[in-house]
Amino acid sequence: MKRLAPSGDRFTAAVGLVGFACLTGAVLIAHVNPATAYELSIYASTPTPFWVGIGIAYLSAAVVSFSTTNDLHRRLGLVLGGAGSFAIVALPLIRGYFYYGVNDPMTHAGITRELTAGTLTPYGTAYPAVHTLAAFLSGVTGFSVWQSALLVPPVVAAIFFVFVPLLVRAVVGGETALVVGGFTAFLLVPIHQFATNLFPHPSSQAVLFVPIILYLLVGYLRSPDSGYGSATAFSAVVLVTVGASILLHPMQALNVILLLVAFALVGFVASRWSNTQSWWDHRSLAPVILLSVIAFLAWTLQSPGVLDTGGIIVTSLSEYVSGASPGAGAAIGTQSNSLQSIGSSPVVIYLKLFTVSTLYIVAAVALAVAALTNRPAWLEDSADTRRLLLSLVGGLALTAPVFGMYLFGNVGRYYFRQASFMMVVVTILGAIAMTYGLMGLSQTRFRTVMKPSAVTVFVVLFVLSAAVFFNSPYLHLANQHVTESRVDGYQTTFDVTGDSAVISGVVQEPDRYHDALRSVDSDPRLSDTLNESEIRSLQDRPGSEWYLVLSRNTYEREVITYREYRFSRASFESLDRQRGVDRVFSNGDTELYFVP
């Protein structure tokens, strides 16, 4: 007679089936309701049943993963949770967005276009990995350059989803580590909307690529010495992933090398301070570091863009030290004033963007203190785990000065990019801390409420995190949705104006769309933007004949999201009434005005 499955397994199987059904339904609902015009918020424009379905699916995933004792069900729960988060990450594709991301992503689309056309080689750009992958996907799938570029962020996010839980389990061991690591990864904690996003952006993709390097690094350190130094398959794979990070983004690859150095330094110090050789018996990282540095220098020295960025950083930092530059304080103060003018504040934005990050920082700090003091008994029994934790903490210590250089030098938003990289390490440490916390609670009288509490906490964290995956008015930012009509409008603009016409924009430079559609070579005549006083009196601008291009997203961003802080509704409406200003065309999304 066939034995019936335990009642617990039947329950988790039923919950999992409901979750997968809701996930499937949610994705189908989103897909059959594509975007038909510019959407100021992807959250508000996506049908509510999608969000309900994703919520039920994610709750089901958490219930199954944290409550079951069946390994298969647990892994299916993790797959369901990852698929729910992935569906949100891939929402621009699911909703049929023509493209997602203005400014830098437009230039990256142009680089991909030139790679596919053969007018540019990978050696012509400082970070060709994202563009080459997009070009490859375009060739394999037959998708347009725009659509294939949109495939890259979800692909890299999937790598993050897979290797964060594998890394946490590799360090701690056990199924609890796998589950906590998985549901931590699904939060995408390193992603924020200041400098790290879910659109085609090499720095963002390089940040999410880090866990696979760390996972392979742990495997390399633990692999047995073959007698030929570090010349093993593991070292080769580690070097390949480090090389991939260099091609993704050299500045983030520098952080990866600093992590490798931190692991080596912790090993060196431990071997000197420890009374027994067993405290540090990992393999030497010196050959891997040496080859990584050689590869880094070989690539960056032939990439003028990287050297130029390095020069800007050094100049900005020296100006701050000499007092010639106001530094980060001035930029932060300007942002604070802007937020207050539209009825918000830096505190509110911080809570929206970084509440989850702060919780992980607190957990990571607590774990770092425990590892440094060696107080808990579990660390005394696991020297291997402790040295890995100390190495990760050392990595934070080495990358922190770089963050300081960017911050005090006020180098654009590089300090936010650096913070995102550091948050990858913090996320891993935080997940490890939570794992030990749950393991400790399971041995106390609170074990009966531990699993329901874990489910509740991770579902709440997911809601808070998913709300900031994309720009939206919730963050006082406009969605970076790029419509086909807008692209067609800019294409028409370049066709009718000729190669010598001066074209201005409003905050958003036409030069970015020229990158995407014509050439990535900088064109000064397309890099001008107007302020509000200039919008109200176009004829007063000095110079000869020129054009103004204006898109729907600009209007909605300034009038609705920014609440007319920079440009009023009346200013835009005045364009059709100004004497001598002619509207050349309008396609419902993009308008072109001629000023003789």
Protein backbone atom coordinates (compact mmCIF):
# COMPACT_ATOMS: atom_id res chain seq x y z
CA MET A 1 0.00 0.00 0.00
CA LYS A 2 1.37 3.43 -0.96
CA ARG A 3 2.30 5.58 2.03
CA LEU A 4 0.61 8.96 2.21
CA ALA A 5 2.77 12.07 2.40
CA PRO A 6 2.97 13.67 5.84
CA SER A 7 0.29 16.30 6.46
CA GLY A 8 2.96 19.02 6.66
CA ASP A 9 4.21 18.12 3.19
CA ARG A 10 0.67 18.15 1.81
CA PHE A 11 0.13 21.59 3.32
CA THR A 12 3.31 23.11 1.89
CA ALA A 13 2.63 21.48 -1.48
CA ALA A 14 -0.84 23.06 -1.57
CA VAL A 15 0.51 26.45 -0.54
CA GLY A 16 3.23 26.22 -3.16
CA LEU A 17 0.72 25.33 -5.91
CA VAL A 18 -1.39 28.34 -4.98
CA GLY A 19 1.72 30.52 -5.09
CA PHE A 20 2.82 29.31 -8.52
CA ALA A 21 -0.72 29.72 -9.87
CA CYS A 22 -0.89 33.30 -8.57
CA LEU A 23 2.53 34.10 -9.97
CA THR A 24 1.58 32.76 -13.41
CA GLY A 25 -1.67 34.67 -13.38
CA ALA A 26 0.06 37.88 -12.29
CA VAL A 27 2.63 37.71 -15.10
CA LEU A 28 -0.06 36.99 -17.70
CA ILE A 29 -2.19 39.90 -16.47
CA ALA A 30 0.78 42.28 -16.70
CA HIS A 31 1.71 40.99 -20.15
CA VAL A 32 -1.75 41.41 -21.67
CA ASN A 33 -1.93 44.96 -20.33
CA PRO A 34 1.11 46.55 -21.98
CA ALA A 35 2.06 50.19 -21.69
CA THR A 36 0.40 52.26 -24.41
CA ALA A 37 1.95 55.64 -23.51
CA TYR A 38 4.47 57.12 -21.12
CA GLU A 39 3.89 55.90 -17.56
CA LEU A 40 4.93 58.20 -14.73
CA SER A 41 4.84 55.24 -12.32
CA ILE A 42 5.22 51.62 -13.34
CA TYR A 43 3.66 50.68 -10.01
CA ALA A 44 0.44 52.65 -10.50
CA SER A 45 0.14 51.76 -14.20
CA THR A 46 0.53 48.00 -13.74
CA PRO A 47 -2.86 46.37 -13.00
CA THR A 48 -3.58 45.82 -9.31
CA PRO A 49 -4.18 42.05 -9.79
CA PHE A 50 -0.51 41.73 -10.73
CA TRP A 51 0.59 43.10 -7.38
CA VAL A 52 -1.97 40.96 -5.53
CA GLY A 53 -0.76 37.86 -7.35
CA ILE A 54 2.90 38.64 -6.68
CA GLY A 55 2.12 39.30 -3.01
CA ILE A 56 0.33 35.96 -2.59
CA ALA A 57 3.09 34.15 -4.46
CA TYR A 58 5.83 35.68 -2.32
CA LEU A 59 3.94 34.99 0.91
CA SER A 60 3.43 31.39 -0.22
CA ALA A 61 7.14 31.10 -1.02
CA ALA A 62 8.12 32.35 2.42
CA VAL A 63 5.66 30.02 4.19
CA VAL A 64 6.87 27.00 2.26
CA SER A 65 10.58 27.78 2.56
CA PHE A 66 10.62 28.54 6.28
CA SER A 67 8.12 25.91 7.48
CA THR A 68 8.74 22.77 5.45
CA THR A 69 11.09 19.94 6.38
CA ASN A 70 11.01 18.61 2.82
CA ASP A 71 14.16 19.64 0.92
CA LEU A 72 12.40 19.56 -2.46
CA HIS A 73 9.56 21.75 -1.23
CA ARG A 74 12.06 24.15 0.34
CA ARG A 75 13.91 24.58 -2.92
CA LEU A 76 10.67 25.02 -4.85
CA GLY A 77 9.71 27.67 -2.31
CA LEU A 78 12.97 29.46 -3.00
CA VAL A 79 12.36 29.21 -6.74
CA LEU A 80 8.89 30.70 -6.23
CA GLY A 81 10.22 33.57 -4.12
CA GLY A 82 12.98 34.30 -6.62
CA ALA A 83 10.53 34.15 -9.51
CA GLY A 84 8.24 36.62 -7.74
CA SER A 85 11.04 39.12 -7.26
CA PHE A 86 12.33 38.44 -10.77
CA ALA A 87 8.88 39.21 -12.21
CA ILE A 88 9.09 42.70 -10.72
CA VAL A 89 12.66 43.18 -11.94
CA ALA A 90 11.58 42.16 -15.44
CA LEU A 91 8.35 44.19 -15.35
CA PRO A 92 9.48 46.67 -18.05
CA LEU A 93 9.93 43.69 -20.39
CA ILE A 94 6.72 41.99 -19.30
CA ARG A 95 4.75 45.24 -19.77
CA GLY A 96 6.19 45.74 -23.24
CA TYR A 97 8.29 48.82 -22.54
CA PHE A 98 10.19 49.90 -25.63
CA TYR A 99 13.12 50.81 -23.38
CA TYR A 100 13.81 51.68 -19.77
CA GLY A 101 16.38 54.24 -18.69
CA VAL A 102 17.33 57.76 -19.82
CA ASN A 103 20.70 59.52 -19.71
CA ASP A 104 23.45 56.85 -19.28
CA PRO A 105 21.25 53.92 -20.46
CA MET A 106 20.57 55.76 -23.73
CA THR A 107 24.30 56.00 -24.37
CA HIS A 108 24.69 52.31 -23.52
CA ALA A 109 21.95 51.49 -26.05
CA GLY A 110 23.93 53.46 -28.62
CA ILE A 111 27.13 51.58 -27.85
CA THR A 112 25.24 48.29 -28.23
CA ARG A 113 23.83 49.49 -31.55
CA GLU A 114 27.32 50.31 -32.83
CA LEU A 115 28.66 46.94 -31.67
CA THR A 116 25.93 45.10 -33.57
CA ALA A 117 26.53 47.29 -36.62
CA GLY A 118 30.28 46.64 -36.52
CA THR A 119 31.19 50.33 -36.28
CA LEU A 120 32.61 49.86 -32.79
CA THR A 121 34.65 47.08 -31.21
CA PRO A 122 34.64 46.05 -27.53
CA TYR A 123 38.04 47.76 -27.22
CA GLY A 124 36.38 51.08 -28.01
CA THR A 125 34.59 51.28 -24.66
CA ALA A 126 35.85 51.05 -21.08
CA TYR A 127 33.20 48.53 -19.98
CA PRO A 128 32.11 46.40 -22.93
CA ALA A 129 30.61 43.41 -21.09
CA VAL A 130 27.05 44.75 -20.79
CA HIS A 131 27.03 45.97 -24.38
CA THR A 132 28.57 42.77 -25.74
CA LEU A 133 26.07 40.64 -23.84
CA ALA A 134 23.20 42.76 -25.16
CA ALA A 135 24.55 42.50 -28.70
CA PHE A 136 24.88 38.73 -28.30
CA LEU A 137 21.32 38.43 -27.01
CA SER A 138 20.12 40.53 -29.94
CA GLY A 139 21.81 38.17 -32.37
CA VAL A 140 20.51 35.03 -30.66
CA THR A 141 16.92 36.15 -29.99
CA GLY A 142 16.36 38.43 -32.96
CA PHE A 143 15.22 41.18 -30.58
CA SER A 144 15.99 44.81 -31.29
CA VAL A 145 18.96 46.44 -29.61
CA TRP A 146 16.55 48.16 -27.23
CA GLN A 147 14.87 44.95 -26.13
CA SER A 148 18.08 42.92 -25.89
CA ALA A 149 19.64 45.64 -23.70
CA LEU A 150 16.59 45.38 -21.42
CA LEU A 151 17.30 41.66 -20.99
CA VAL A 152 20.69 42.27 -19.37
CA PRO A 153 19.60 43.63 -15.94
CA PRO A 154 17.23 40.70 -15.21
CA VAL A 155 19.92 38.21 -16.27
CA VAL A 156 22.45 39.72 -13.87
CA ALA A 157 19.82 40.01 -11.12
CA ALA A 158 19.20 36.27 -11.52
CA ILE A 159 22.92 35.68 -10.87
CA PHE A 160 22.58 37.69 -7.67
CA PHE A 161 19.50 35.66 -6.64
CA VAL A 162 21.35 32.37 -7.12
CA PHE A 163 24.75 33.08 -5.62
CA VAL A 164 23.90 35.09 -2.52
CA PRO A 165 22.13 32.10 -0.88
CA LEU A 166 24.83 29.73 -2.10
CA LEU A 167 27.49 31.99 -0.58
CA VAL A 168 25.68 32.33 2.76
CA ARG A 169 25.29 28.56 2.96
CA ALA A 170 28.94 28.07 1.99
CA VAL A 171 30.03 30.25 4.91
CA VAL A 172 27.55 29.07 7.56
CA GLY A 173 26.25 25.74 6.30
CA GLY A 174 22.76 24.31 6.64
CA GLU A 175 19.34 24.82 5.08
CA THR A 176 18.50 27.85 7.25
CA ALA A 177 21.41 29.70 5.70
CA LEU A 178 20.17 28.83 2.22
CA VAL A 179 16.66 30.11 2.92
CA VAL A 180 17.72 33.30 4.70
CA GLY A 181 20.31 33.98 1.98
CA GLY A 182 17.70 33.46 -0.70
CA PHE A 183 15.08 35.77 0.76
CA THR A 184 17.80 38.32 1.44
CA ALA A 185 18.91 38.19 -2.20
CA PHE A 186 15.33 38.73 -3.42
CA LEU A 187 15.32 42.13 -1.67
CA LEU A 188 18.10 43.48 -3.92
CA VAL A 189 19.38 45.58 -1.02
CA PRO A 190 22.33 47.12 -2.97
CA ILE A 191 19.92 48.65 -5.51
CA HIS A 192 18.89 52.24 -4.86
CA GLN A 193 17.83 55.04 -7.15
CA PHE A 194 20.75 57.44 -6.70
CA ALA A 195 23.39 55.59 -8.71
CA THR A 196 22.47 51.89 -8.87
CA ASN A 197 19.42 50.87 -10.87
CA LEU A 198 17.67 48.09 -12.75
CA PHE A 199 18.25 49.52 -16.20
CA PRO A 200 21.21 48.81 -18.53
CA HIS A 201 24.04 50.33 -16.51
CA PRO A 202 27.49 48.69 -16.26
CA SER A 203 28.21 49.84 -12.70
CA SER A 204 24.88 48.49 -11.44
CA GLN A 205 25.36 45.17 -13.18
CA ALA A 206 28.94 44.93 -11.87
CA VAL A 207 27.66 45.36 -8.29
CA LEU A 208 25.13 42.52 -8.64
CA PHE A 209 27.82 40.30 -10.16
CA VAL A 210 30.00 40.33 -7.02
CA PRO A 211 28.40 37.35 -5.13
CA ILE A 212 29.45 34.83 -7.78
CA ILE A 213 33.07 35.99 -7.37
CA LEU A 214 32.89 35.67 -3.59
CA TYR A 215 31.25 32.25 -3.81
CA LEU A 216 33.98 30.92 -6.08
CA LEU A 217 36.61 32.60 -3.89
CA VAL A 218 35.39 30.70 -0.84
CA GLY A 219 35.55 27.46 -2.81
CA TYR A 220 39.05 28.31 -3.97
CA LEU A 221 40.29 29.05 -0.46
CA ARG A 222 38.95 25.76 0.82
CA SER A 223 40.22 23.65 -2.08
CA PRO A 224 43.13 21.33 -1.31
CA ASP A 225 46.60 22.39 -2.35
CA SER A 226 47.63 20.34 -5.38
CA GLY A 227 51.32 21.01 -4.84
CA TYR A 228 51.50 23.48 -7.72
CA GLY A 229 50.58 26.63 -5.84
CA SER A 230 47.31 28.11 -7.01
CA ALA A 231 47.29 26.65 -10.51
CA THR A 232 43.99 24.80 -10.14
CA ALA A 233 40.65 24.84 -11.87
CA PHE A 234 39.21 26.93 -9.03
CA SER A 235 41.83 29.64 -9.41
CA ALA A 236 41.19 29.75 -13.15
CA VAL A 237 37.44 30.18 -12.61
CA VAL A 238 38.03 32.89 -10.01
CA LEU A 239 40.29 34.73 -12.43
CA VAL A 240 37.69 34.46 -15.19
CA THR A 241 35.02 36.03 -12.98
CA VAL A 242 37.41 38.78 -11.84
CA GLY A 243 38.19 39.42 -15.50
CA ALA A 244 34.46 39.59 -16.21
CA SER A 245 34.07 42.20 -13.47
CA ILE A 246 36.84 44.28 -15.08
CA LEU A 247 34.96 44.23 -18.38
CA LEU A 248 31.69 45.01 -16.59
CA HIS A 249 33.09 48.10 -14.86
CA PRO A 250 36.77 48.71 -14.01
CA MET A 251 36.03 50.96 -11.01
CA GLN A 252 33.91 48.23 -9.41
CA ALA A 253 36.55 45.66 -10.36
CA LEU A 254 39.03 47.69 -8.31
CA ASN A 255 36.76 47.06 -5.33
CA VAL A 256 36.79 43.35 -6.13
CA ILE A 257 40.59 43.37 -6.08
CA LEU A 258 40.50 45.18 -2.73
CA LEU A 259 38.29 42.36 -1.43
CA LEU A 260 40.88 39.82 -2.58
CA VAL A 261 43.59 41.82 -0.83
CA ALA A 262 41.50 41.90 2.35
CA PHE A 263 41.15 38.11 2.33
CA ALA A 264 44.91 37.79 1.86
CA LEU A 265 45.74 40.32 4.60
CA VAL A 266 43.46 38.65 7.12
CA GLY A 267 45.18 35.36 6.34
CA PHE A 268 48.61 36.87 6.72
CA VAL A 269 47.79 38.52 10.07
CA ALA A 270 46.07 35.41 11.36
CA SER A 271 49.01 33.20 10.45
CA ARG A 272 51.32 35.50 12.46
CA TRP A 273 49.08 35.82 15.52
CA SER A 274 47.74 32.30 15.73
CA ASN A 275 49.55 29.76 17.87
CA THR A 276 48.42 26.92 15.64
CA GLN A 277 48.60 26.59 11.89
CA SER A 278 45.05 25.24 11.77
CA TRP A 279 43.53 28.66 12.50
CA TRP A 280 44.49 29.73 9.00
CA ASP A 281 44.93 26.92 6.53
CA HIS A 282 43.41 28.52 3.45
CA ARG A 283 45.36 28.56 0.24
CA SER A 284 47.47 31.52 -0.83
CA LEU A 285 45.72 34.27 -2.77
CA ALA A 286 48.93 35.94 -3.93
CA PRO A 287 48.97 34.45 -7.47
CA VAL A 288 45.28 35.27 -7.99
CA ILE A 289 45.77 38.85 -6.79
CA LEU A 290 48.87 39.33 -8.92
CA LEU A 291 47.17 38.11 -12.10
CA SER A 292 44.03 40.15 -11.30
CA VAL A 293 46.09 43.33 -10.89
CA ILE A 294 47.91 42.66 -14.16
CA ALA A 295 44.60 42.15 -15.98
CA PHE A 296 43.15 45.29 -14.38
CA LEU A 297 46.11 47.44 -15.38
CA ALA A 298 46.28 45.95 -18.87
CA TRP A 299 42.66 46.88 -19.49
CA THR A 300 42.48 50.27 -17.79
CA LEU A 301 45.71 51.64 -19.22
CA GLN A 302 44.36 51.19 -22.73
CA SER A 303 40.94 52.67 -21.79
CA PRO A 304 41.15 56.49 -21.86
CA GLY A 305 37.72 56.82 -20.24
CA VAL A 306 38.89 55.08 -17.07
CA LEU A 307 42.04 57.20 -16.84
CA ASP A 308 39.99 60.35 -17.39
CA THR A 309 37.63 59.38 -14.56
CA GLY A 310 40.59 58.70 -12.29
CA GLY A 311 41.98 62.13 -13.11
CA ILE A 312 38.66 63.78 -12.26
CA ILE A 313 38.57 61.97 -8.91
CA VAL A 314 42.11 63.07 -8.01
CA THR A 315 41.42 66.67 -9.07
CA SER A 316 38.14 66.88 -7.16
CA LEU A 317 39.69 65.44 -4.03
CA SER A 318 42.64 67.82 -4.18
CA GLU A 319 40.26 70.77 -4.62
CA TYR A 320 38.34 69.66 -1.54
CA VAL A 321 41.54 69.34 0.50
CA SER A 322 42.69 72.78 -0.62
CA GLY A 323 39.28 74.32 0.07
CA ALA A 324 38.62 75.20 -3.58
CA SER A 325 35.61 72.84 -3.71
CA PRO A 326 32.68 72.84 -1.25
CA GLY A 327 32.65 69.04 -1.31
CA ALA A 328 29.74 66.72 -0.64
CA GLY A 329 28.08 68.98 1.90
CA ALA A 330 27.05 71.49 -0.74
CA ALA A 331 25.49 68.85 -2.98
CA ILE A 332 23.61 67.28 -0.08
CA GLY A 333 22.42 70.70 1.06
CA THR A 334 21.09 71.48 -2.43
CA GLN A 335 19.18 68.20 -2.51
CA SER A 336 17.74 68.90 0.94
CA ASN A 337 16.43 72.28 -0.16
CA SER A 338 14.86 70.76 -3.27
CA LEU A 339 13.07 68.07 -1.29
CA GLN A 340 11.74 70.57 1.23
CA SER A 341 10.41 72.71 -1.60
CA ILE A 342 8.21 69.88 -2.86
CA GLY A 343 6.95 68.90 0.58
CA SER A 344 9.38 66.13 1.46
CA SER A 345 12.66 65.87 3.36
CA PRO A 346 15.93 63.89 3.31
CA VAL A 347 14.72 61.92 6.34
CA VAL A 348 11.58 60.75 4.55
CA ILE A 349 13.53 59.77 1.43
CA TYR A 350 16.13 58.00 3.56
CA LEU A 351 13.46 55.95 5.33
CA LYS A 352 11.87 54.99 2.02
CA LEU A 353 15.12 54.06 0.32
CA PHE A 354 17.31 52.78 3.13
CA THR A 355 15.16 51.31 5.91
CA VAL A 356 15.94 47.77 4.76
CA SER A 357 19.60 48.65 4.17
CA THR A 358 19.87 50.09 7.68
CA LEU A 359 18.50 46.90 9.23
CA TYR A 360 21.12 44.88 7.38
CA ILE A 361 23.84 47.32 8.39
CA VAL A 362 22.89 46.88 12.05
CA ALA A 363 22.91 43.09 11.69
CA ALA A 364 26.26 43.18 9.86
CA VAL A 365 27.84 45.42 12.51
CA ALA A 366 26.69 43.07 15.27
CA LEU A 367 28.18 40.12 13.42
CA ALA A 368 31.43 41.98 12.76
CA VAL A 369 31.79 42.77 16.47
CA ALA A 370 31.14 39.11 17.31
CA ALA A 371 33.75 37.95 14.80
CA LEU A 372 36.35 40.44 16.01
CA THR A 373 35.84 39.67 19.70
CA ASN A 374 35.32 35.94 19.19
CA ARG A 375 32.77 35.96 22.00
CA PRO A 376 29.97 33.58 20.88
CA ALA A 377 30.66 29.89 21.37
CA TRP A 378 29.74 29.06 17.78
CA LEU A 379 32.67 31.12 16.51
CA GLU A 380 35.10 29.29 18.77
CA ASP A 381 33.91 26.01 17.29
CA SER A 382 34.16 27.23 13.69
CA ALA A 383 37.48 28.89 13.00
CA ASP A 384 36.96 28.58 9.25
CA THR A 385 33.71 30.56 9.43
CA ARG A 386 35.30 33.22 11.61
CA ARG A 387 38.19 33.84 9.25
CA LEU A 388 35.78 34.19 6.31
CA LEU A 389 33.73 36.69 8.29
CA LEU A 390 36.83 38.65 9.25
CA SER A 391 37.88 38.69 5.60
CA LEU A 392 34.53 40.16 4.56
CA VAL A 393 34.79 42.76 7.32
CA GLY A 394 38.33 43.51 6.13
CA GLY A 395 36.95 44.03 2.64
CA LEU A 396 34.62 46.71 3.98
CA ALA A 397 37.53 48.34 5.78
CA LEU A 398 39.59 48.55 2.57
CA THR A 399 36.76 49.84 0.37
CA ALA A 400 35.60 52.46 2.91
CA PRO A 401 38.46 54.91 2.10
CA VAL A 402 37.47 54.80 -1.57
CA PHE A 403 33.95 55.81 -0.54
CA GLY A 404 35.48 58.67 1.45
CA MET A 405 37.48 59.85 -1.56
CA TYR A 406 34.37 59.97 -3.73
CA LEU A 407 32.26 61.59 -1.03
CA PHE A 408 34.62 64.37 0.04
CA GLY A 409 35.79 64.93 -3.50
CA ASN A 410 32.12 65.29 -4.48
CA VAL A 411 32.70 63.22 -7.63
CA GLY A 412 29.24 63.06 -9.15
CA ARG A 413 27.40 60.07 -7.70
CA TYR A 414 30.41 57.79 -7.45
CA TYR A 415 30.13 57.63 -3.67
CA PHE A 416 26.65 56.13 -4.06
CA ARG A 417 28.07 53.55 -6.48
CA GLN A 418 30.75 52.74 -3.93
CA ALA A 419 28.12 52.47 -1.21
CA SER A 420 26.20 49.97 -3.36
CA PHE A 421 29.28 47.79 -3.69
CA MET A 422 29.85 47.90 0.05
CA MET A 423 26.18 47.02 0.59
CA VAL A 424 26.75 43.73 -1.24
CA VAL A 425 29.19 42.71 1.50
CA VAL A 426 26.90 44.16 4.18
CA THR A 427 23.97 42.20 2.74
CA ILE A 428 25.92 38.96 2.96
CA LEU A 429 27.08 39.67 6.50
CA GLY A 430 23.56 40.69 7.49
CA ALA A 431 22.11 37.48 6.06
CA ILE A 432 24.70 35.44 7.97
CA ALA A 433 23.81 37.32 11.17
CA MET A 434 20.11 36.63 10.63
CA THR A 435 20.87 32.98 9.99
CA TYR A 436 22.67 32.65 13.31
CA GLY A 437 19.86 34.55 14.98
CA LEU A 438 17.23 32.12 13.72
CA MET A 439 19.41 29.14 14.58
CA GLY A 440 19.80 30.51 18.10
CA LEU A 441 16.06 31.15 18.51
CA SER A 442 15.30 27.60 17.42
CA GLN A 443 17.02 26.40 20.60
CA THR A 444 14.93 28.60 22.92
CA ARG A 445 11.32 28.78 24.07
CA PHE A 446 10.64 31.19 21.19
CA ARG A 447 11.08 28.45 18.60
CA THR A 448 7.29 28.10 18.14
CA VAL A 449 6.99 31.67 16.89
CA MET A 450 10.31 31.79 15.09
CA LYS A 451 9.10 30.59 11.69
CA PRO A 452 5.93 32.73 11.53
CA SER A 453 7.99 35.72 12.63
CA ALA A 454 10.62 35.07 9.95
CA VAL A 455 7.92 34.82 7.29
CA THR A 456 6.35 38.08 8.43
CA VAL A 457 9.65 39.95 8.59
CA PHE A 458 10.83 38.90 5.13
CA VAL A 459 7.46 39.62 3.52
CA VAL A 460 7.45 43.12 5.03
CA LEU A 461 11.05 43.67 3.95
CA PHE A 462 10.14 42.58 0.44
CA VAL A 463 7.27 45.07 0.24
CA LEU A 464 9.58 47.88 1.39
CA SER A 465 12.30 46.86 -1.06
CA ALA A 466 10.11 46.22 -4.11
CA ALA A 467 8.56 49.66 -3.72
CA VAL A 468 11.92 51.22 -4.60
CA PHE A 469 13.10 48.89 -7.37
CA PHE A 470 12.05 51.58 -9.87
CA ASN A 471 11.74 55.36 -9.90
CA SER A 472 8.26 56.62 -9.07
CA PRO A 473 6.50 59.63 -7.51
CA TYR A 474 6.69 57.71 -4.22
CA LEU A 475 10.39 58.70 -4.26
CA HIS A 476 9.70 62.05 -5.97
CA LEU A 477 11.31 60.61 -9.09
CA ALA A 478 9.81 60.03 -12.52
CA ASN A 479 9.69 56.60 -14.10
CA GLN A 480 12.46 56.20 -16.68
CA HIS A 481 10.11 54.67 -19.23
CA VAL A 482 11.15 55.37 -22.82
CA THR A 483 8.33 55.03 -25.32
CA GLU A 484 8.66 54.12 -28.97
CA SER A 485 6.91 57.40 -29.83
CA ARG A 486 9.62 59.35 -28.04
CA VAL A 487 12.37 57.51 -29.86
CA ASP A 488 10.55 58.07 -33.15
CA GLY A 489 10.16 61.73 -32.23
CA TYR A 490 13.89 62.16 -31.68
CA GLN A 491 14.63 60.22 -34.86
CA THR A 492 12.37 62.61 -36.78
CA THR A 493 14.02 65.55 -35.02
CA PHE A 494 17.46 64.51 -36.22
CA ASP A 495 16.12 63.84 -39.72
CA VAL A 496 14.45 67.23 -40.22
CA THR A 497 17.01 69.46 -38.49
CA GLY A 498 20.16 68.48 -40.29
CA ASP A 499 23.65 67.85 -39.01
CA SER A 500 24.47 71.44 -38.07
CA ALA A 501 21.30 72.42 -36.19
CA VAL A 502 21.52 73.47 -32.56
CA ILE A 503 18.97 71.49 -30.53
CA SER A 504 18.18 72.14 -26.88
CA GLY A 505 16.22 70.14 -24.33
CA VAL A 506 14.66 70.68 -20.92
CA VAL A 507 16.95 69.12 -18.26
CA GLN A 508 17.36 66.09 -20.54
CA GLU A 509 19.96 66.62 -23.28
CA PRO A 510 19.12 65.59 -26.88
CA ASP A 511 22.72 64.39 -27.07
CA ARG A 512 21.75 61.18 -25.22
CA TYR A 513 19.18 60.26 -27.87
CA HIS A 514 21.72 61.11 -30.58
CA ASP A 515 24.02 58.58 -28.87
CA ALA A 516 21.33 55.93 -29.06
CA LEU A 517 20.18 56.66 -32.62
CA ARG A 518 23.09 58.12 -34.56
CA SER A 519 26.56 58.15 -32.97
CA VAL A 520 28.10 57.95 -29.51
CA ASP A 521 30.60 60.65 -30.43
CA SER A 522 29.89 63.72 -28.30
CA ASP A 523 28.17 66.58 -30.13
CA PRO A 524 28.26 69.96 -28.29
CA ARG A 525 25.36 71.39 -30.32
CA LEU A 526 23.03 68.83 -28.71
CA SER A 527 24.09 69.15 -25.07
CA ASP A 528 22.22 72.33 -24.11
CA THR A 529 19.26 72.46 -21.69
CA LEU A 530 17.00 75.39 -20.79
CA ASN A 531 15.87 76.78 -17.45
CA GLU A 532 12.39 78.15 -16.77
CA SER A 533 13.14 81.79 -17.58
CA GLU A 534 14.55 80.71 -20.95
CA ILE A 535 11.49 78.58 -21.64
CA ARG A 536 9.23 81.62 -21.13
CA SER A 537 11.17 83.80 -23.59
CA LEU A 538 12.76 81.65 -26.26
CA GLN A 539 13.31 84.62 -28.61
CA ASP A 540 15.60 86.30 -26.08
CA ARG A 541 18.19 83.54 -26.24
CA PRO A 542 21.35 84.71 -28.05
CA GLY A 543 22.52 82.92 -31.14
CA SER A 544 21.18 81.99 -34.54
CA GLU A 545 18.45 79.51 -35.49
CA TRP A 546 17.91 76.66 -33.09
CA TYR A 547 15.35 74.06 -32.00
CA LEU A 548 13.74 72.96 -28.75
CA VAL A 549 12.64 69.35 -28.28
CA LEU A 550 10.23 68.46 -25.49
CA SER A 551 8.83 65.05 -24.46
CA ARG A 552 5.83 63.98 -22.42
CA ASN A 553 7.98 62.50 -19.68
CA THR A 554 9.66 65.89 -19.15
CA TYR A 555 6.30 67.61 -18.68
CA GLU A 556 4.93 65.02 -16.26
CA ARG A 557 8.19 64.82 -14.33
CA GLU A 558 8.39 68.57 -13.77
CA VAL A 559 4.71 69.33 -13.24
CA ILE A 560 3.53 66.25 -11.33
CA THR A 561 6.55 64.61 -9.70
CA TYR A 562 8.52 67.77 -8.88
CA ARG A 563 5.33 69.77 -8.27
CA GLU A 564 6.44 72.63 -10.52
CA TYR A 565 9.55 73.25 -8.43
CA ARG A 566 11.79 73.87 -11.45
CA PHE A 567 9.28 74.44 -14.29
CA SER A 568 5.66 75.49 -14.01
CA ARG A 569 2.76 74.21 -16.08
CA ALA A 570 2.28 77.74 -17.41
CA SER A 571 5.85 77.82 -18.74
CA PHE A 572 5.28 74.76 -20.90
CA GLU A 573 1.87 75.99 -22.06
CA SER A 574 3.40 79.30 -23.12
CA LEU A 575 5.39 77.67 -25.91
CA ASP A 576 2.46 77.64 -28.34
CA ARG A 577 1.68 81.31 -27.62
CA GLN A 578 5.13 82.84 -27.97
CA ARG A 579 5.57 85.02 -31.04
CA GLY A 580 8.02 83.70 -33.59
CA VAL A 581 8.13 80.19 -32.13
CA ASP A 582 6.88 77.54 -34.54
CA ARG A 583 5.96 73.98 -33.66
CA VAL A 584 7.50 71.75 -36.32
CA PHE A 585 5.71 68.54 -35.34
CA SER A 586 4.09 66.63 -32.48
CA ASN A 587 3.50 62.89 -32.35
CA GLY A 588 1.63 62.84 -29.05
CA ASP A 589 4.77 62.23 -27.02
CA THR A 590 7.50 64.45 -28.45
CA GLU A 591 7.25 68.01 -29.77
CA LEU A 592 9.81 69.99 -31.76
CA TYR A 593 9.83 73.80 -31.82
CA PHE A 594 11.78 76.02 -34.21
CA VAL A 595 13.07 79.41 -33.02
CA PRO A 596 14.33 81.52 -35.97
